[in-house]
Amino acid sequence: MLTDQEIAMYTRRLEAERERLLKEIGVDSEPHNQGNDVTKAGDEEADEAEDFSNKLAIAQTLRDEVQEIDAALEKIRKGTYGNCEKCGLEIPKPLLSIAPESILCEKCKLETERN
């Protein structure tokens, strides 16, 4: 069972990571003209389109991470933080220390990944 101090620590970590990700999303979702040495206009446009597409994909991954953090913060508010959403058992503290946004214990996560 998590102590109030541990929950407060995880809350601070989650909120700080959420803010960092939101700032990164704001920067990475904007297209940037970085220029390059490509001489053909079509190649340059293709490179810029690929770069923009990659940045959008990264931004989506970051938004997904923010959603995971939001779900963990909601569990803290509800008093269910630290319990596996699938089996209900306690998520081991070493796992929460590595990934405080975790909603599944190691066993359930492995089972989910296999399916």
PDB file of N, CA and C in Angstrom:
ATOM      1  N   MET A   1       0.833  -1.183   0.000  1.00  0.00           N
ATOM      2  CA  MET A   1       0.000   0.000   0.000  1.00  0.00           C
ATOM      3  C   MET A   1       0.879   1.247   0.000  1.00  0.00           C
ATOM      4  N   LEU A   2       0.501   2.197  -0.828  1.00  0.00           N
ATOM      5  CA  LEU A   2       1.273   3.430  -0.937  1.00  0.00           C
ATOM      6  C   LEU A   2       0.948   4.373   0.216  1.00  0.00           C
ATOM      7  N   THR A   3       1.988   5.022   0.717  1.00  0.00           N
ATOM      8  CA  THR A   3       1.786   6.015   1.773  1.00  0.00           C
ATOM      9  C   THR A   3       1.347   7.334   1.151  1.00  0.00           C
ATOM     10  N   ASP A   4       0.844   8.228   1.983  1.00  0.00           N
ATOM     11  CA  ASP A   4       0.458   9.558   1.504  1.00  0.00           C
ATOM     12  C   ASP A   4       1.657  10.290   0.919  1.00  0.00           C
ATOM     13  N   GLN A   5       2.825  10.110   1.517  1.00  0.00           N
ATOM     14  CA  GLN A   5       4.046  10.747   1.016  1.00  0.00           C
ATOM     15  C   GLN A   5       4.408  10.217  -0.373  1.00  0.00           C
ATOM     16  N   GLU A   6       4.285   8.905  -0.561  1.00  0.00           N
ATOM     17  CA  GLU A   6       4.591   8.312  -1.864  1.00  0.00           C
ATOM     18  C   GLU A   6       3.606   8.810  -2.924  1.00  0.00           C
ATOM     19  N   ILE A   7       2.342   8.860  -2.577  1.00  0.00           N
ATOM     20  CA  ILE A   7       1.339   9.355  -3.521  1.00  0.00           C
ATOM     21  C   ILE A   7       1.617  10.810  -3.886  1.00  0.00           C
ATOM     22  N   ALA A   8       1.990  11.619  -2.904  1.00  0.00           N
ATOM     23  CA  ALA A   8       2.323  13.022  -3.176  1.00  0.00           C
ATOM     24  C   ALA A   8       3.537  13.119  -4.097  1.00  0.00           C
ATOM     25  N   MET A   9       4.530  12.253  -3.874  1.00  0.00           N
ATOM     26  CA  MET A   9       5.721  12.259  -4.716  1.00  0.00           C
ATOM     27  C   MET A   9       5.365  11.874  -6.156  1.00  0.00           C
ATOM     28  N   TYR A  10       4.551  10.812  -6.323  1.00  0.00           N
ATOM     29  CA  TYR A  10       4.146  10.388  -7.661  1.00  0.00           C
ATOM     30  C   TYR A  10       3.306  11.469  -8.332  1.00  0.00           C
ATOM     31  N   THR A  11       2.462  12.136  -7.570  1.00  0.00           N
ATOM     32  CA  THR A  11       1.647  13.222  -8.127  1.00  0.00           C
ATOM     33  C   THR A  11       2.549  14.322  -8.676  1.00  0.00           C
ATOM     34  N   ARG A  12       3.541  14.718  -7.903  1.00  0.00           N
ATOM     35  CA  ARG A  12       4.474  15.767  -8.359  1.00  0.00           C
ATOM     36  C   ARG A  12       5.217  15.324  -9.617  1.00  0.00           C
ATOM     37  N   ARG A  13       5.690  14.092  -9.621  1.00  0.00           N
ATOM     38  CA  ARG A  13       6.419  13.579 -10.794  1.00  0.00           C
ATOM     39  C   ARG A  13       5.523  13.554 -12.026  1.00  0.00           C
ATOM     40  N   LEU A  14       4.308  13.061 -11.854  1.00  0.00           N
ATOM     41  CA  LEU A  14       3.376  12.982 -12.983  1.00  0.00           C
ATOM     42  C   LEU A  14       3.030  14.370 -13.507  1.00  0.00           C
ATOM     43  N   GLU A  15       2.752  15.301 -12.613  1.00  0.00           N
ATOM     44  CA  GLU A  15       2.407  16.660 -13.044  1.00  0.00           C
ATOM     45  C   GLU A  15       3.577  17.346 -13.744  1.00  0.00           C
ATOM     46  N   ALA A  16       4.790  17.139 -13.242  1.00  0.00           N
ATOM     47  CA  ALA A  16       5.972  17.732 -13.875  1.00  0.00           C
ATOM     48  C   ALA A  16       6.190  17.140 -15.269  1.00  0.00           C
ATOM     49  N   GLU A  17       6.044  15.833 -15.394  1.00  0.00           N
ATOM     50  CA  GLU A  17       6.222  15.180 -16.699  1.00  0.00           C
ATOM     51  C   GLU A  17       5.131  15.628 -17.663  1.00  0.00           C
ATOM     52  N   ARG A  18       3.928  15.790 -17.166  1.00  0.00           N
ATOM     53  CA  ARG A  18       2.817  16.258 -18.003  1.00  0.00           C
ATOM     54  C   ARG A  18       3.129  17.647 -18.577  1.00  0.00           C
ATOM     55  N   GLU A  19       3.597  18.537 -17.737  1.00  0.00           N
ATOM     56  CA  GLU A  19       3.946  19.891 -18.193  1.00  0.00           C
ATOM     57  C   GLU A  19       5.073  19.857 -19.217  1.00  0.00           C
ATOM     58  N   ARG A  20       6.089  19.029 -18.969  1.00  0.00           N
ATOM     59  CA  ARG A  20       7.203  18.916 -19.909  1.00  0.00           C
ATOM     60  C   ARG A  20       6.717  18.419 -21.265  1.00  0.00           C
ATOM     61  N   LEU A  21       5.865  17.395 -21.254  1.00  0.00           N
ATOM     62  CA  LEU A  21       5.346  16.846 -22.513  1.00  0.00           C
ATOM     63  C   LEU A  21       4.490  17.864 -23.256  1.00  0.00           C
ATOM     64  N   LEU A  22       3.663  18.590 -22.524  1.00  0.00           N
ATOM     65  CA  LEU A  22       2.816  19.594 -23.181  1.00  0.00           C
ATOM     66  C   LEU A  22       3.659  20.683 -23.843  1.00  0.00           C
ATOM     67  N   LYS A  23       4.730  21.080 -23.193  1.00  0.00           N
ATOM     68  CA  LYS A  23       5.637  22.064 -23.802  1.00  0.00           C
ATOM     69  C   LYS A  23       6.286  21.487 -25.047  1.00  0.00           C
ATOM     70  N   GLU A  24       6.709  20.232 -24.964  1.00  0.00           N
ATOM     71  CA  GLU A  24       7.348  19.584 -26.115  1.00  0.00           C
ATOM     72  C   GLU A  24       6.366  19.433 -27.272  1.00  0.00           C
ATOM     73  N   ILE A  25       5.137  19.097 -26.970  1.00  0.00           N
ATOM     74  CA  ILE A  25       4.112  18.975 -28.010  1.00  0.00           C
ATOM     75  C   ILE A  25       3.918  20.318 -28.704  1.00  0.00           C
ATOM     76  N   GLY A  26       3.892  21.376 -27.930  1.00  0.00           N
ATOM     77  CA  GLY A  26       3.726  22.709 -28.499  1.00  0.00           C
ATOM     78  C   GLY A  26       4.842  23.080 -29.443  1.00  0.00           C
ATOM     79  N   VAL A  27       6.055  22.674 -29.127  1.00  0.00           N
ATOM     80  CA  VAL A  27       7.205  22.967 -29.978  1.00  0.00           C
ATOM     81  C   VAL A  27       7.219  22.057 -31.197  1.00  0.00           C
ATOM     82  N   ASP A  28       7.023  20.756 -30.985  1.00  0.00           N
ATOM     83  CA  ASP A  28       7.167  19.799 -32.077  1.00  0.00           C
ATOM     84  C   ASP A  28       5.998  19.757 -33.036  1.00  0.00           C
ATOM     85  N   SER A  29       4.855  20.290 -32.672  1.00  0.00           N
ATOM     86  CA  SER A  29       3.721  20.225 -33.582  1.00  0.00           C
ATOM     87  C   SER A  29       3.729  21.368 -34.589  1.00  0.00           C
ATOM     88  N   GLU A  30       4.631  22.302 -34.408  1.00  0.00           N
ATOM     89  CA  GLU A  30       4.750  23.416 -35.350  1.00  0.00           C
ATOM     90  C   GLU A  30       5.739  23.054 -36.453  1.00  0.00           C
ATOM     91  N   PRO A  31       5.360  23.274 -37.712  1.00  0.00           N
ATOM     92  CA  PRO A  31       6.312  23.004 -38.791  1.00  0.00           C
ATOM     93  C   PRO A  31       7.439  24.033 -38.770  1.00  0.00           C
ATOM     94  N   HIS A  32       8.616  23.558 -39.027  1.00  0.00           N
ATOM     95  CA  HIS A  32       9.793  24.439 -39.063  1.00  0.00           C
ATOM     96  C   HIS A  32      10.464  24.287 -40.417  1.00  0.00           C
ATOM     97  N   ASN A  33      10.898  25.387 -40.974  1.00  0.00           N
ATOM     98  CA  ASN A  33      11.664  25.341 -42.208  1.00  0.00           C
ATOM     99  C   ASN A  33      13.128  25.363 -41.801  1.00  0.00           C
ATOM    100  N   GLN A  34      13.751  24.198 -41.824  1.00  0.00           N
ATOM    101  CA  GLN A  34      15.140  24.100 -41.403  1.00  0.00           C
ATOM    102  C   GLN A  34      16.095  24.255 -42.570  1.00  0.00           C
ATOM    103  N   GLY A  35      15.560  24.235 -43.785  1.00  0.00           N
ATOM    104  CA  GLY A  35      16.414  24.369 -44.955  1.00  0.00           C
ATOM    105  C   GLY A  35      17.322  23.165 -45.111  1.00  0.00           C
ATOM    106  N   ASN A  36      17.801  22.969 -46.321  1.00  0.00           N
ATOM    107  CA  ASN A  36      18.749  21.896 -46.562  1.00  0.00           C
ATOM    108  C   ASN A  36      19.472  22.165 -47.873  1.00  0.00           C
ATOM    109  N   ASP A  37      20.346  21.270 -48.247  1.00  0.00           N
ATOM    110  CA  ASP A  37      21.165  21.464 -49.437  1.00  0.00           C
ATOM    111  C   ASP A  37      20.586  20.777 -50.665  1.00  0.00           C
ATOM    112  N   VAL A  38      19.342  20.358 -50.622  1.00  0.00           N
ATOM    113  CA  VAL A  38      18.720  19.677 -51.748  1.00  0.00           C
ATOM    114  C   VAL A  38      18.523  20.686 -52.869  1.00  0.00           C
ATOM    115  N   THR A  39      18.879  20.298 -54.082  1.00  0.00           N
ATOM    116  CA  THR A  39      18.808  21.241 -55.195  1.00  0.00           C
ATOM    117  C   THR A  39      17.496  21.167 -55.948  1.00  0.00           C
ATOM    118  N   LYS A  40      16.808  20.042 -55.906  1.00  0.00           N
ATOM    119  CA  LYS A  40      15.555  19.904 -56.622  1.00  0.00           C
ATOM    120  C   LYS A  40      14.403  20.293 -55.710  1.00  0.00           C
ATOM    121  N   ALA A  41      13.510  21.155 -56.214  1.00  0.00           N
ATOM    122  CA  ALA A  41      12.386  21.622 -55.410  1.00  0.00           C
ATOM    123  C   ALA A  41      11.503  20.468 -54.959  1.00  0.00           C
ATOM    124  N   GLY A  42      11.258  19.492 -55.806  1.00  0.00           N
ATOM    125  CA  GLY A  42      10.422  18.343 -55.446  1.00  0.00           C
ATOM    126  C   GLY A  42      11.024  17.543 -54.313  1.00  0.00           C
ATOM    127  N   ASP A  43      12.332  17.338 -54.343  1.00  0.00           N
ATOM    128  CA  ASP A  43      13.008  16.612 -53.273  1.00  0.00           C
ATOM    129  C   ASP A  43      12.930  17.387 -51.956  1.00  0.00           C
ATOM    130  N   GLU A  44      13.072  18.691 -52.042  1.00  0.00           N
ATOM    131  CA  GLU A  44      13.011  19.527 -50.840  1.00  0.00           C
ATOM    132  C   GLU A  44      11.611  19.468 -50.234  1.00  0.00           C
ATOM    133  N   GLU A  45      10.594  19.547 -51.063  1.00  0.00           N
ATOM    134  CA  GLU A  45       9.225  19.471 -50.563  1.00  0.00           C
ATOM    135  C   GLU A  45       8.950  18.102 -49.955  1.00  0.00           C
ATOM    136  N   ALA A  46       9.453  17.058 -50.577  1.00  0.00           N
ATOM    137  CA  ALA A  46       9.260  15.705 -50.052  1.00  0.00           C
ATOM    138  C   ALA A  46       9.949  15.559 -48.699  1.00  0.00           C
ATOM    139  N   ASP A  47      11.158  16.117 -48.578  1.00  0.00           N
ATOM    140  CA  ASP A  47      11.874  16.066 -47.303  1.00  0.00           C
ATOM    141  C   ASP A  47      11.109  16.826 -46.223  1.00  0.00           C
ATOM    142  N   GLU A  48      10.584  17.998 -46.567  1.00  0.00           N
ATOM    143  CA  GLU A  48       9.827  18.786 -45.605  1.00  0.00           C
ATOM    144  C   GLU A  48       8.541  18.070 -45.200  1.00  0.00           C
ATOM    145  N   ALA A  49       7.878  17.430 -46.165  1.00  0.00           N
ATOM    146  CA  ALA A  49       6.648  16.693 -45.866  1.00  0.00           C
ATOM    147  C   ALA A  49       6.948  15.507 -44.945  1.00  0.00           C
ATOM    148  N   GLU A  50       8.041  14.810 -45.224  1.00  0.00           N
ATOM    149  CA  GLU A  50       8.424  13.674 -44.375  1.00  0.00           C
ATOM    150  C   GLU A  50       8.775  14.148 -42.972  1.00  0.00           C
ATOM    151  N   ASP A  51       9.508  15.251 -42.882  1.00  0.00           N
ATOM    152  CA  ASP A  51       9.891  15.808 -41.589  1.00  0.00           C
ATOM    153  C   ASP A  51       8.645  16.203 -40.799  1.00  0.00           C
ATOM    154  N   PHE A  52       7.705  16.853 -41.462  1.00  0.00           N
ATOM    155  CA  PHE A  52       6.475  17.272 -40.799  1.00  0.00           C
ATOM    156  C   PHE A  52       5.670  16.058 -40.345  1.00  0.00           C
ATOM    157  N   SER A  53       5.602  15.042 -41.183  1.00  0.00           N
ATOM    158  CA  SER A  53       4.885  13.816 -40.846  1.00  0.00           C
ATOM    159  C   SER A  53       5.510  13.142 -39.624  1.00  0.00           C
ATOM    160  N   ASN A  54       6.827  13.111 -39.583  1.00  0.00           N
ATOM    161  CA  ASN A  54       7.527  12.531 -38.431  1.00  0.00           C
ATOM    162  C   ASN A  54       7.231  13.317 -37.158  1.00  0.00           C
ATOM    163  N   LYS A  55       7.210  14.640 -37.269  1.00  0.00           N
ATOM    164  CA  LYS A  55       6.923  15.473 -36.100  1.00  0.00           C
ATOM    165  C   LYS A  55       5.495  15.268 -35.617  1.00  0.00           C
ATOM    166  N   LEU A  56       4.555  15.103 -36.543  1.00  0.00           N
ATOM    167  CA  LEU A  56       3.175  14.839 -36.144  1.00  0.00           C
ATOM    168  C   LEU A  56       3.071  13.506 -35.412  1.00  0.00           C
ATOM    169  N   ALA A  57       3.783  12.499 -35.895  1.00  0.00           N
ATOM    170  CA  ALA A  57       3.763  11.186 -35.251  1.00  0.00           C
ATOM    171  C   ALA A  57       4.344  11.265 -33.837  1.00  0.00           C
ATOM    172  N   ILE A  58       5.427  12.004 -33.699  1.00  0.00           N
ATOM    173  CA  ILE A  58       6.040  12.183 -32.382  1.00  0.00           C
ATOM    174  C   ILE A  58       5.080  12.920 -31.453  1.00  0.00           C
ATOM    175  N   ALA A  59       4.451  13.974 -31.969  1.00  0.00           N
ATOM    176  CA  ALA A  59       3.498  14.738 -31.161  1.00  0.00           C
ATOM    177  C   ALA A  59       2.341  13.850 -30.708  1.00  0.00           C
ATOM    178  N   GLN A  60       1.872  12.951 -31.574  1.00  0.00           N
ATOM    179  CA  GLN A  60       0.787  12.044 -31.199  1.00  0.00           C
ATOM    180  C   GLN A  60       1.237  11.093 -30.088  1.00  0.00           C
ATOM    181  N   THR A  61       2.455  10.600 -30.189  1.00  0.00           N
ATOM    182  CA  THR A  61       2.997   9.728 -29.149  1.00  0.00           C
ATOM    183  C   THR A  61       3.063  10.482 -27.824  1.00  0.00           C
ATOM    184  N   LEU A  62       3.487  11.730 -27.872  1.00  0.00           N
ATOM    185  CA  LEU A  62       3.559  12.540 -26.660  1.00  0.00           C
ATOM    186  C   LEU A  62       2.163  12.796 -26.091  1.00  0.00           C
ATOM    187  N   ARG A  63       1.181  13.041 -26.963  1.00  0.00           N
ATOM    188  CA  ARG A  63      -0.204  13.229 -26.498  1.00  0.00           C
ATOM    189  C   ARG A  63      -0.727  11.951 -25.836  1.00  0.00           C
ATOM    190  N   ASP A  64      -0.368  10.799 -26.390  1.00  0.00           N
ATOM    191  CA  ASP A  64      -0.760   9.526 -25.780  1.00  0.00           C
ATOM    192  C   ASP A  64      -0.158   9.397 -24.375  1.00  0.00           C
ATOM    193  N   GLU A  65       1.086   9.818 -24.226  1.00  0.00           N
ATOM    194  CA  GLU A  65       1.738   9.776 -22.914  1.00  0.00           C
ATOM    195  C   GLU A  65       1.034  10.707 -21.932  1.00  0.00           C
ATOM    196  N   VAL A  66       0.609  11.877 -22.412  1.00  0.00           N
ATOM    197  CA  VAL A  66      -0.130  12.814 -21.554  1.00  0.00           C
ATOM    198  C   VAL A  66      -1.440  12.171 -21.099  1.00  0.00           C
ATOM    199  N   GLN A  67      -2.108  11.460 -22.004  1.00  0.00           N
ATOM    200  CA  GLN A  67      -3.350  10.783 -21.628  1.00  0.00           C
ATOM    201  C   GLN A  67      -3.105   9.728 -20.559  1.00  0.00           C
ATOM    202  N   GLU A  68      -2.004   9.000 -20.654  1.00  0.00           N
ATOM    203  CA  GLU A  68      -1.662   8.008 -19.638  1.00  0.00           C
ATOM    204  C   GLU A  68      -1.427   8.680 -18.286  1.00  0.00           C
ATOM    205  N   ILE A  69      -0.747   9.808 -18.320  1.00  0.00           N
ATOM    206  CA  ILE A  69      -0.493  10.559 -17.091  1.00  0.00           C
ATOM    207  C   ILE A  69      -1.802  11.078 -16.523  1.00  0.00           C
ATOM    208  N   ASP A  70      -2.674  11.597 -17.376  1.00  0.00           N
ATOM    209  CA  ASP A  70      -3.979  12.081 -16.915  1.00  0.00           C
ATOM    210  C   ASP A  70      -4.773  10.954 -16.258  1.00  0.00           C
ATOM    211  N   ALA A  71      -4.701   9.757 -16.827  1.00  0.00           N
ATOM    212  CA  ALA A  71      -5.406   8.612 -16.245  1.00  0.00           C
ATOM    213  C   ALA A  71      -4.828   8.276 -14.864  1.00  0.00           C
ATOM    214  N   ALA A  72      -3.517   8.336 -14.735  1.00  0.00           N
ATOM    215  CA  ALA A  72      -2.888   8.062 -13.438  1.00  0.00           C
ATOM    216  C   ALA A  72      -3.277   9.128 -12.418  1.00  0.00           C
ATOM    217  N   LEU A  73      -3.290  10.389 -12.825  1.00  0.00           N
ATOM    218  CA  LEU A  73      -3.685  11.463 -11.916  1.00  0.00           C
ATOM    219  C   LEU A  73      -5.148  11.313 -11.496  1.00  0.00           C
ATOM    220  N   GLU A  74      -5.985  10.858 -12.405  1.00  0.00           N
ATOM    221  CA  GLU A  74      -7.391  10.616 -12.076  1.00  0.00           C
ATOM    222  C   GLU A  74      -7.505   9.483 -11.046  1.00  0.00           C
ATOM    223  N   LYS A  75      -6.684   8.446 -11.206  1.00  0.00           N
ATOM    224  CA  LYS A  75      -6.682   7.347 -10.235  1.00  0.00           C
ATOM    225  C   LYS A  75      -6.241   7.844  -8.861  1.00  0.00           C
ATOM    226  N   ILE A  76      -5.310   8.782  -8.836  1.00  0.00           N
ATOM    227  CA  ILE A  76      -4.883   9.364  -7.562  1.00  0.00           C
ATOM    228  C   ILE A  76      -6.064  10.088  -6.924  1.00  0.00           C
ATOM    229  N   ARG A  77      -6.782  10.881  -7.726  1.00  0.00           N
ATOM    230  CA  ARG A  77      -7.942  11.620  -7.200  1.00  0.00           C
ATOM    231  C   ARG A  77      -9.021  10.671  -6.671  1.00  0.00           C
ATOM    232  N   LYS A  78      -9.192   9.533  -7.331  1.00  0.00           N
ATOM    233  CA  LYS A  78     -10.219   8.560  -6.933  1.00  0.00           C
ATOM    234  C   LYS A  78      -9.754   7.651  -5.798  1.00  0.00           C
ATOM    235  N   GLY A  79      -8.460   7.675  -5.496  1.00  0.00           N
ATOM    236  CA  GLY A  79      -7.940   6.815  -4.440  1.00  0.00           C
ATOM    237  C   GLY A  79      -7.639   5.395  -4.882  1.00  0.00           C
ATOM    238  N   THR A  80      -7.512   5.187  -6.193  1.00  0.00           N
ATOM    239  CA  THR A  80      -7.240   3.846  -6.705  1.00  0.00           C
ATOM    240  C   THR A  80      -5.846   3.728  -7.320  1.00  0.00           C
ATOM    241  N   TYR A  81      -5.045   4.753  -7.166  1.00  0.00           N
ATOM    242  CA  TYR A  81      -3.700   4.754  -7.750  1.00  0.00           C
ATOM    243  C   TYR A  81      -2.857   3.644  -7.140  1.00  0.00           C
ATOM    244  N   GLY A  82      -2.105   2.969  -7.996  1.00  0.00           N
ATOM    245  CA  GLY A  82      -1.196   1.922  -7.550  1.00  0.00           C
ATOM    246  C   GLY A  82      -1.796   0.531  -7.639  1.00  0.00           C
ATOM    247  N   ASN A  83      -3.054   0.444  -8.063  1.00  0.00           N
ATOM    248  CA  ASN A  83      -3.704  -0.858  -8.242  1.00  0.00           C
ATOM    249  C   ASN A  83      -3.851  -1.145  -9.727  1.00  0.00           C
ATOM    250  N   CYS A  84      -3.602  -2.380 -10.103  1.00  0.00           N
ATOM    251  CA  CYS A  84      -3.716  -2.809 -11.493  1.00  0.00           C
ATOM    252  C   CYS A  84      -5.174  -2.719 -11.940  1.00  0.00           C
ATOM    253  N   GLU A  85      -5.393  -2.109 -13.094  1.00  0.00           N
ATOM    254  CA  GLU A  85      -6.754  -1.972 -13.615  1.00  0.00           C
ATOM    255  C   GLU A  85      -7.346  -3.303 -14.059  1.00  0.00           C
ATOM    256  N   LYS A  86      -6.490  -4.279 -14.336  1.00  0.00           N
ATOM    257  CA  LYS A  86      -6.985  -5.553 -14.842  1.00  0.00           C
ATOM    258  C   LYS A  86      -7.262  -6.545 -13.708  1.00  0.00           C
ATOM    259  N   CYS A  87      -6.280  -6.768 -12.848  1.00  0.00           N
ATOM    260  CA  CYS A  87      -6.441  -7.789 -11.801  1.00  0.00           C
ATOM    261  C   CYS A  87      -6.741  -7.202 -10.425  1.00  0.00           C
ATOM    262  N   GLY A  88      -6.513  -5.903 -10.256  1.00  0.00           N
ATOM    263  CA  GLY A  88      -6.797  -5.254  -8.985  1.00  0.00           C
ATOM    264  C   GLY A  88      -5.695  -5.349  -7.955  1.00  0.00           C
ATOM    265  N   LEU A  89      -4.657  -6.123  -8.253  1.00  0.00           N
ATOM    266  CA  LEU A  89      -3.547  -6.243  -7.306  1.00  0.00           C
ATOM    267  C   LEU A  89      -2.703  -4.970  -7.317  1.00  0.00           C
ATOM    268  N   GLU A  90      -1.912  -4.843  -6.275  1.00  0.00           N
ATOM    269  CA  GLU A  90      -1.045  -3.676  -6.157  1.00  0.00           C
ATOM    270  C   GLU A  90       0.070  -3.730  -7.202  1.00  0.00           C
ATOM    271  N   ILE A  91       0.314  -2.605  -7.858  1.00  0.00           N
ATOM    272  CA  ILE A  91       1.430  -2.498  -8.803  1.00  0.00           C
ATOM    273  C   ILE A  91       2.701  -2.332  -7.964  1.00  0.00           C
ATOM    274  N   PRO A  92       3.722  -3.150  -8.222  1.00  0.00           N
ATOM    275  CA  PRO A  92       4.947  -3.066  -7.412  1.00  0.00           C
ATOM    276  C   PRO A  92       5.565  -1.661  -7.453  1.00  0.00           C
ATOM    277  N   LYS A  93       6.044  -1.219  -6.301  1.00  0.00           N
ATOM    278  CA  LYS A  93       6.641   0.112  -6.189  1.00  0.00           C
ATOM    279  C   LYS A  93       7.820   0.316  -7.142  1.00  0.00           C
ATOM    280  N   PRO A  94       8.674  -0.706  -7.373  1.00  0.00           N
ATOM    281  CA  PRO A  94       9.758  -0.483  -8.337  1.00  0.00           C
ATOM    282  C   PRO A  94       9.239  -0.129  -9.742  1.00  0.00           C
ATOM    283  N   LEU A  95       8.118  -0.729 -10.139  1.00  0.00           N
ATOM    284  CA  LEU A  95       7.532  -0.396 -11.441  1.00  0.00           C
ATOM    285  C   LEU A  95       6.985   1.024 -11.437  1.00  0.00           C
ATOM    286  N   LEU A  96       6.302   1.410 -10.366  1.00  0.00           N
ATOM    287  CA  LEU A  96       5.786   2.780 -10.282  1.00  0.00           C
ATOM    288  C   LEU A  96       6.920   3.801 -10.227  1.00  0.00           C
ATOM    289  N   SER A  97       8.042   3.417  -9.630  1.00  0.00           N
ATOM    290  CA  SER A  97       9.184   4.334  -9.577  1.00  0.00           C
ATOM    291  C   SER A  97       9.750   4.591 -10.967  1.00  0.00           C
ATOM    292  N   ILE A  98       9.709   3.555 -11.805  1.00  0.00           N
ATOM    293  CA  ILE A  98      10.207   3.700 -13.177  1.00  0.00           C
ATOM    294  C   ILE A  98       9.173   4.394 -14.054  1.00  0.00           C
ATOM    295  N   ALA A  99       7.924   3.967 -13.928  1.00  0.00           N
ATOM    296  CA  ALA A  99       6.843   4.482 -14.772  1.00  0.00           C
ATOM    297  C   ALA A  99       5.621   4.764 -13.899  1.00  0.00           C
ATOM    298  N   PRO A 100       5.576   5.944 -13.268  1.00  0.00           N
ATOM    299  CA  PRO A 100       4.467   6.236 -12.358  1.00  0.00           C
ATOM    300  C   PRO A 100       3.098   6.298 -13.037  1.00  0.00           C
ATOM    301  N   GLU A 101       3.078   6.336 -14.359  1.00  0.00           N
ATOM    302  CA  GLU A 101       1.807   6.353 -15.093  1.00  0.00           C
ATOM    303  C   GLU A 101       1.249   4.955 -15.328  1.00  0.00           C
ATOM    304  N   SER A 102       1.947   3.935 -14.839  1.00  0.00           N
ATOM    305  CA  SER A 102       1.526   2.550 -15.050  1.00  0.00           C
ATOM    306  C   SER A 102       0.136   2.295 -14.479  1.00  0.00           C
ATOM    307  N   ILE A 103      -0.680   1.584 -15.256  1.00  0.00           N
ATOM    308  CA  ILE A 103      -2.021   1.216 -14.795  1.00  0.00           C
ATOM    309  C   ILE A 103      -2.168  -0.296 -14.680  1.00  0.00           C
ATOM    310  N   LEU A 104      -1.152  -1.026 -15.137  1.00  0.00           N
ATOM    311  CA  LEU A 104      -1.173  -2.484 -15.076  1.00  0.00           C
ATOM    312  C   LEU A 104       0.055  -2.994 -14.332  1.00  0.00           C
ATOM    313  N   CYS A 105      -0.115  -4.103 -13.624  1.00  0.00           N
ATOM    314  CA  CYS A 105       1.041  -4.762 -13.009  1.00  0.00           C
ATOM    315  C   CYS A 105       1.845  -5.432 -14.133  1.00  0.00           C
ATOM    316  N   GLU A 106       3.026  -5.900 -13.805  1.00  0.00           N
ATOM    317  CA  GLU A 106       3.891  -6.497 -14.825  1.00  0.00           C
ATOM    318  C   GLU A 106       3.247  -7.714 -15.497  1.00  0.00           C
ATOM    319  N   LYS A 107       2.617  -8.566 -14.698  1.00  0.00           N
ATOM    320  CA  LYS A 107       2.001  -9.774 -15.236  1.00  0.00           C
ATOM    321  C   LYS A 107       0.894  -9.418 -16.231  1.00  0.00           C
ATOM    322  N   CYS A 108       0.001  -8.521 -15.866  1.00  0.00           N
ATOM    323  CA  CYS A 108      -1.109  -8.153 -16.751  1.00  0.00           C
ATOM    324  C   CYS A 108      -0.616  -7.409 -17.984  1.00  0.00           C
ATOM    325  N   LYS A 109       0.427  -6.609 -17.813  1.00  0.00           N
ATOM    326  CA  LYS A 109       0.992  -5.906 -18.976  1.00  0.00           C
ATOM    327  C   LYS A 109       1.563  -6.906 -19.980  1.00  0.00           C
ATOM    328  N   LEU A 110       2.282  -7.894 -19.494  1.00  0.00           N
ATOM    329  CA  LEU A 110       2.834  -8.926 -20.379  1.00  0.00           C
ATOM    330  C   LEU A 110       1.719  -9.693 -21.071  1.00  0.00           C
ATOM    331  N   GLU A 111       0.666 -10.026 -20.359  1.00  0.00           N
ATOM    332  CA  GLU A 111      -0.451 -10.737 -20.958  1.00  0.00           C
ATOM    333  C   GLU A 111      -1.127  -9.885 -22.027  1.00  0.00           C
ATOM    334  N   THR A 112      -1.273  -8.604 -21.771  1.00  0.00           N
ATOM    335  CA  THR A 112      -1.892  -7.690 -22.735  1.00  0.00           C
ATOM    336  C   THR A 112      -1.039  -7.566 -23.981  1.00  0.00           C
ATOM    337  N   GLU A 113       0.280  -7.501 -23.824  1.00  0.00           N
ATOM    338  CA  GLU A 113       1.178  -7.370 -24.964  1.00  0.00           C
ATOM    339  C   GLU A 113       1.195  -8.623 -25.825  1.00  0.00           C
ATOM    340  N   ARG A 114       0.991  -9.785 -25.215  1.00  0.00           N
ATOM    341  CA  ARG A 114       0.972 -11.037 -25.975  1.00  0.00           C
ATOM    342  C   ARG A 114      -0.281 -11.151 -26.827  1.00  0.00           C
ATOM    343  N   ASN A 115      -1.370 -10.584 -26.363  1.00  0.00           N
ATOM    344  CA  ASN A 115      -2.647 -10.696 -27.099  1.00  0.00           C
ATOM    345  C   ASN A 115      -2.813  -9.654 -28.158  1.00  0.00           C
TER     346      ASN A 115
END
